[in-house]
C-alpha cells in the first residue's frame, strides 16, 4: 500500500492534530511522523486524532 501524504490537509485532519505527529523543537511548522518529515498543516490517510485530555 502506498503512503498518501498531502502538504495541505483539511482543518481537523492535519498532522499537528494527529497522535503520530512529533513537532520539531526548532520549527513548529514541521515535525516527524513514523520517521518521515511532515508539515504541521499536512495530512495523510493514517490520521488518528489525539486523545482529548480531561
PDB file of N, CA and C in Angstrom:
ATOM      1  N   UNK A   1       0.833  -1.172   0.000  1.00  0.00           N
ATOM      2  CA  UNK A   1       0.000   0.000   0.000  1.00  0.00           C
ATOM      3  C   UNK A   1       0.881   1.239   0.000  1.00  0.00           C
ATOM      4  N   UNK A   2       0.545   2.192  -0.838  1.00  0.00           N
ATOM      5  CA  UNK A   2       1.292   3.442  -0.908  1.00  0.00           C
ATOM      6  C   UNK A   2       0.887   4.378   0.228  1.00  0.00           C
ATOM      7  N   UNK A   3       1.833   5.165   0.687  1.00  0.00           N
ATOM      8  CA  UNK A   3       1.599   6.185   1.704  1.00  0.00           C
ATOM      9  C   UNK A   3       1.153   7.451   0.997  1.00  0.00           C
ATOM     10  N   UNK A   4      -0.085   7.880   1.219  1.00  0.00           N
ATOM     11  CA  UNK A   4      -0.617   9.070   0.562  1.00  0.00           C
ATOM     12  C   UNK A   4      -0.539  10.239   1.535  1.00  0.00           C
ATOM     13  N   UNK A   5       0.277  11.234   1.188  1.00  0.00           N
ATOM     14  CA  UNK A   5       0.517  12.404   2.030  1.00  0.00           C
ATOM     15  C   UNK A   5       0.227  13.666   1.239  1.00  0.00           C
ATOM     16  N   UNK A   6      -0.397  14.647   1.890  1.00  0.00           N
ATOM     17  CA  UNK A   6      -0.666  15.949   1.279  1.00  0.00           C
ATOM     18  C   UNK A   6      -0.006  17.024   2.123  1.00  0.00           C
ATOM     19  N   UNK A   7       0.541  18.044   1.484  1.00  0.00           N
ATOM     20  CA  UNK A   7       1.168  19.149   2.223  1.00  0.00           C
ATOM     21  C   UNK A   7       0.138  20.071   2.858  1.00  0.00           C
ATOM     22  N   UNK A   8      -1.090  20.058   2.373  1.00  0.00           N
ATOM     23  CA  UNK A   8      -2.191  20.838   2.937  1.00  0.00           C
ATOM     24  C   UNK A   8      -3.358  19.884   3.159  1.00  0.00           C
ATOM     25  N   UNK A   9      -3.812  19.761   4.388  1.00  0.00           N
ATOM     26  CA  UNK A   9      -4.965  18.910   4.689  1.00  0.00           C
ATOM     27  C   UNK A   9      -6.095  19.768   5.236  1.00  0.00           C
ATOM     28  N   UNK A  10      -7.301  19.220   5.222  1.00  0.00           N
ATOM     29  CA  UNK A  10      -8.437  19.982   5.739  1.00  0.00           C
ATOM     30  C   UNK A  10      -8.323  20.135   7.250  1.00  0.00           C
ATOM     31  N   UNK A  11      -8.854  21.250   7.755  1.00  0.00           N
ATOM     32  CA  UNK A  11      -8.833  21.510   9.197  1.00  0.00           C
ATOM     33  C   UNK A  11      -9.487  20.340   9.921  1.00  0.00           C
ATOM     34  N   UNK A  12      -8.915  19.978  11.059  1.00  0.00           N
ATOM     35  CA  UNK A  12      -9.425  18.857  11.837  1.00  0.00           C
ATOM     36  C   UNK A  12      -8.773  17.543  11.482  1.00  0.00           C
ATOM     37  N   UNK A  13      -8.025  17.509  10.372  1.00  0.00           N
ATOM     38  CA  UNK A  13      -7.342  16.282   9.946  1.00  0.00           C
ATOM     39  C   UNK A  13      -5.894  16.562   9.570  1.00  0.00           C
ATOM     40  N   UNK A  14      -5.310  17.584  10.212  1.00  0.00           N
ATOM     41  CA  UNK A  14      -3.924  17.946   9.920  1.00  0.00           C
ATOM     42  C   UNK A  14      -2.968  17.185  10.827  1.00  0.00           C
ATOM     43  N   UNK A  15      -1.743  17.040  10.365  1.00  0.00           N
ATOM     44  CA  UNK A  15      -0.715  16.321  11.117  1.00  0.00           C
ATOM     45  C   UNK A  15      -0.593  16.823  12.559  1.00  0.00           C
ATOM     46  N   UNK A  16      -0.653  18.148  12.743  1.00  0.00           N
ATOM     47  CA  UNK A  16      -0.481  18.717  14.071  1.00  0.00           C
ATOM     48  C   UNK A  16      -1.572  18.258  15.048  1.00  0.00           C
ATOM     49  N   UNK A  17      -2.659  17.698  14.539  1.00  0.00           N
ATOM     50  CA  UNK A  17      -3.758  17.221  15.368  1.00  0.00           C
ATOM     51  C   UNK A  17      -3.779  15.693  15.463  1.00  0.00           C
ATOM     52  N   UNK A  18      -2.740  15.046  14.947  1.00  0.00           N
ATOM     53  CA  UNK A  18      -2.665  13.586  14.894  1.00  0.00           C
ATOM     54  C   UNK A  18      -1.796  13.027  16.020  1.00  0.00           C
ATOM     55  N   UNK A  19      -2.154  11.837  16.485  1.00  0.00           N
ATOM     56  CA  UNK A  19      -1.395  11.174  17.548  1.00  0.00           C
ATOM     57  C   UNK A  19       0.056  10.894  17.159  1.00  0.00           C
ATOM     58  N   UNK A  20       0.308  10.658  15.884  1.00  0.00           N
ATOM     59  CA  UNK A  20       1.646  10.287  15.453  1.00  0.00           C
ATOM     60  C   UNK A  20       2.610  11.445  15.244  1.00  0.00           C
ATOM     61  N   UNK A  21       2.119  12.675  15.302  1.00  0.00           N
ATOM     62  CA  UNK A  21       2.937  13.852  14.997  1.00  0.00           C
ATOM     63  C   UNK A  21       3.792  14.269  16.190  1.00  0.00           C
ATOM     64  N   UNK A  22       5.089  14.470  15.928  1.00  0.00           N
ATOM     65  CA  UNK A  22       6.025  14.982  16.929  1.00  0.00           C
ATOM     66  C   UNK A  22       6.647  16.242  16.341  1.00  0.00           C
ATOM     67  N   UNK A  23       6.341  17.394  16.963  1.00  0.00           N
ATOM     68  CA  UNK A  23       6.808  18.675  16.451  1.00  0.00           C
ATOM     69  C   UNK A  23       8.329  18.790  16.581  1.00  0.00           C
ATOM     70  N   UNK A  24       8.954  19.464  15.616  1.00  0.00           N
ATOM     71  CA  UNK A  24      10.391  19.726  15.690  1.00  0.00           C
ATOM     72  C   UNK A  24      10.609  20.930  16.612  1.00  0.00           C
ATOM     73  N   UNK A  25      11.518  20.841  17.574  1.00  0.00           N
ATOM     74  CA  UNK A  25      11.712  21.925  18.532  1.00  0.00           C
ATOM     75  C   UNK A  25      12.195  23.230  17.903  1.00  0.00           C
ATOM     76  N   UNK A  26      12.852  23.152  16.765  1.00  0.00           N
ATOM     77  CA  UNK A  26      13.374  24.359  16.127  1.00  0.00           C
ATOM     78  C   UNK A  26      12.423  24.972  15.098  1.00  0.00           C
ATOM     79  N   UNK A  27      11.297  24.289  14.804  1.00  0.00           N
ATOM     80  CA  UNK A  27      10.341  24.802  13.818  1.00  0.00           C
ATOM     81  C   UNK A  27       8.988  24.131  14.034  1.00  0.00           C
ATOM     82  N   UNK A  28       8.043  24.847  14.657  1.00  0.00           N
ATOM     83  CA  UNK A  28       6.742  24.263  14.980  1.00  0.00           C
ATOM     84  C   UNK A  28       5.868  23.996  13.748  1.00  0.00           C
ATOM     85  N   UNK A  29       6.271  24.478  12.580  1.00  0.00           N
ATOM     86  CA  UNK A  29       5.526  24.228  11.345  1.00  0.00           C
ATOM     87  C   UNK A  29       5.897  22.884  10.729  1.00  0.00           C
ATOM     88  N   UNK A  30       6.896  22.202  11.303  1.00  0.00           N
ATOM     89  CA  UNK A  30       7.353  20.915  10.784  1.00  0.00           C
ATOM     90  C   UNK A  30       7.411  19.894  11.917  1.00  0.00           C
ATOM     91  N   UNK A  31       7.430  18.637  11.525  1.00  0.00           N
ATOM     92  CA  UNK A  31       7.540  17.587  12.526  1.00  0.00           C
ATOM     93  C   UNK A  31       7.898  16.261  11.901  1.00  0.00           C
ATOM     94  N   UNK A  32       7.792  15.230  12.713  1.00  0.00           N
ATOM     95  CA  UNK A  32       8.070  13.867  12.277  1.00  0.00           C
ATOM     96  C   UNK A  32       6.853  12.999  12.559  1.00  0.00           C
ATOM     97  N   UNK A  33       6.610  12.060  11.669  1.00  0.00           N
ATOM     98  CA  UNK A  33       5.564  11.066  11.874  1.00  0.00           C
ATOM     99  C   UNK A  33       6.086   9.744  11.330  1.00  0.00           C
ATOM    100  N   UNK A  34       6.209   8.777  12.194  1.00  0.00           N
ATOM    101  CA  UNK A  34       6.723   7.461  11.793  1.00  0.00           C
ATOM    102  C   UNK A  34       8.033   7.571  11.023  1.00  0.00           C
ATOM    103  N   UNK A  35       8.905   8.479  11.468  1.00  0.00           N
ATOM    104  CA  UNK A  35      10.219   8.641  10.864  1.00  0.00           C
ATOM    105  C   UNK A  35      10.240   9.462   9.586  1.00  0.00           C
ATOM    106  N   UNK A  36       9.107  10.004   9.174  1.00  0.00           N
ATOM    107  CA  UNK A  36       9.043  10.810   7.942  1.00  0.00           C
ATOM    108  C   UNK A  36       8.891  12.284   8.300  1.00  0.00           C
ATOM    109  N   UNK A  37       9.558  13.153   7.547  1.00  0.00           N
ATOM    110  CA  UNK A  37       9.392  14.598   7.714  1.00  0.00           C
ATOM    111  C   UNK A  37       8.028  14.995   7.168  1.00  0.00           C
ATOM    112  N   UNK A  38       7.262  15.729   7.981  1.00  0.00           N
ATOM    113  CA  UNK A  38       5.941  16.191   7.561  1.00  0.00           C
ATOM    114  C   UNK A  38       5.748  17.644   7.974  1.00  0.00           C
ATOM    115  N   UNK A  39       4.761  18.287   7.369  1.00  0.00           N
ATOM    116  CA  UNK A  39       4.395  19.642   7.742  1.00  0.00           C
ATOM    117  C   UNK A  39       3.235  19.574   8.735  1.00  0.00           C
ATOM    118  N   UNK A  40       3.193  20.507   9.678  1.00  0.00           N
ATOM    119  CA  UNK A  40       2.134  20.532  10.686  1.00  0.00           C
ATOM    120  C   UNK A  40       0.754  20.624  10.032  1.00  0.00           C
ATOM    121  N   UNK A  41       0.653  21.331   8.905  1.00  0.00           N
ATOM    122  CA  UNK A  41      -0.627  21.506   8.230  1.00  0.00           C
ATOM    123  C   UNK A  41      -0.900  20.438   7.178  1.00  0.00           C
ATOM    124  N   UNK A  42      -0.013  19.460   7.076  1.00  0.00           N
ATOM    125  CA  UNK A  42      -0.197  18.375   6.121  1.00  0.00           C
ATOM    126  C   UNK A  42      -1.138  17.314   6.660  1.00  0.00           C
ATOM    127  N   UNK A  43      -1.289  16.248   5.892  1.00  0.00           N
ATOM    128  CA  UNK A  43      -2.143  15.157   6.334  1.00  0.00           C
ATOM    129  C   UNK A  43      -1.911  13.909   5.511  1.00  0.00           C
ATOM    130  N   UNK A  44      -2.382  12.782   6.046  1.00  0.00           N
ATOM    131  CA  UNK A  44      -2.250  11.523   5.317  1.00  0.00           C
ATOM    132  C   UNK A  44      -3.427  10.606   5.628  1.00  0.00           C
ATOM    133  N   UNK A  45      -3.430   9.470   4.996  1.00  0.00           N
ATOM    134  CA  UNK A  45      -4.524   8.517   5.109  1.00  0.00           C
ATOM    135  C   UNK A  45      -4.549   7.776   6.442  1.00  0.00           C
ATOM    136  N   UNK A  46      -3.526   7.931   7.266  1.00  0.00           N
ATOM    137  CA  UNK A  46      -3.460   7.246   8.554  1.00  0.00           C
ATOM    138  C   UNK A  46      -3.771   8.178   9.726  1.00  0.00           C
ATOM    139  N   UNK A  47      -4.434   9.307   9.462  1.00  0.00           N
ATOM    140  CA  UNK A  47      -4.750  10.277  10.507  1.00  0.00           C
ATOM    141  C   UNK A  47      -5.541   9.627  11.633  1.00  0.00           C
ATOM    142  N   UNK A  48      -5.089   9.881  12.865  1.00  0.00           N
ATOM    143  CA  UNK A  48      -5.796   9.428  14.059  1.00  0.00           C
ATOM    144  C   UNK A  48      -5.753  10.586  15.048  1.00  0.00           C
ATOM    145  N   UNK A  49      -6.911  11.159  15.405  1.00  0.00           N
ATOM    146  CA  UNK A  49      -6.914  12.338  16.276  1.00  0.00           C
ATOM    147  C   UNK A  49      -6.291  12.074  17.637  1.00  0.00           C
ATOM    148  N   UNK A  50      -5.643  13.115  18.173  1.00  0.00           N
ATOM    149  CA  UNK A  50      -5.084  13.000  19.513  1.00  0.00           C
ATOM    150  C   UNK A  50      -6.199  12.776  20.513  1.00  0.00           C
ATOM    151  N   UNK A  51      -5.900  12.033  21.554  1.00  0.00           N
ATOM    152  CA  UNK A  51      -6.863  11.800  22.624  1.00  0.00           C
ATOM    153  C   UNK A  51      -7.094  13.103  23.357  1.00  0.00           C
ATOM    154  N   UNK A  52      -8.332  13.416  23.648  1.00  0.00           N
ATOM    155  CA  UNK A  52      -8.641  14.630  24.378  1.00  0.00           C
ATOM    156  C   UNK A  52      -8.218  14.467  25.832  1.00  0.00           C
ATOM    157  N   UNK A  53      -7.577  15.509  26.376  1.00  0.00           N
ATOM    158  CA  UNK A  53      -7.144  15.483  27.761  1.00  0.00           C
ATOM    159  C   UNK A  53      -8.262  16.000  28.644  1.00  0.00           C
ATOM    160  N   UNK A  54      -8.505  15.309  29.741  1.00  0.00           N
ATOM    161  CA  UNK A  54      -9.586  15.709  30.641  1.00  0.00           C
ATOM    162  C   UNK A  54      -9.068  16.364  31.868  1.00  0.00           C
TER     163      UNK A  54
END
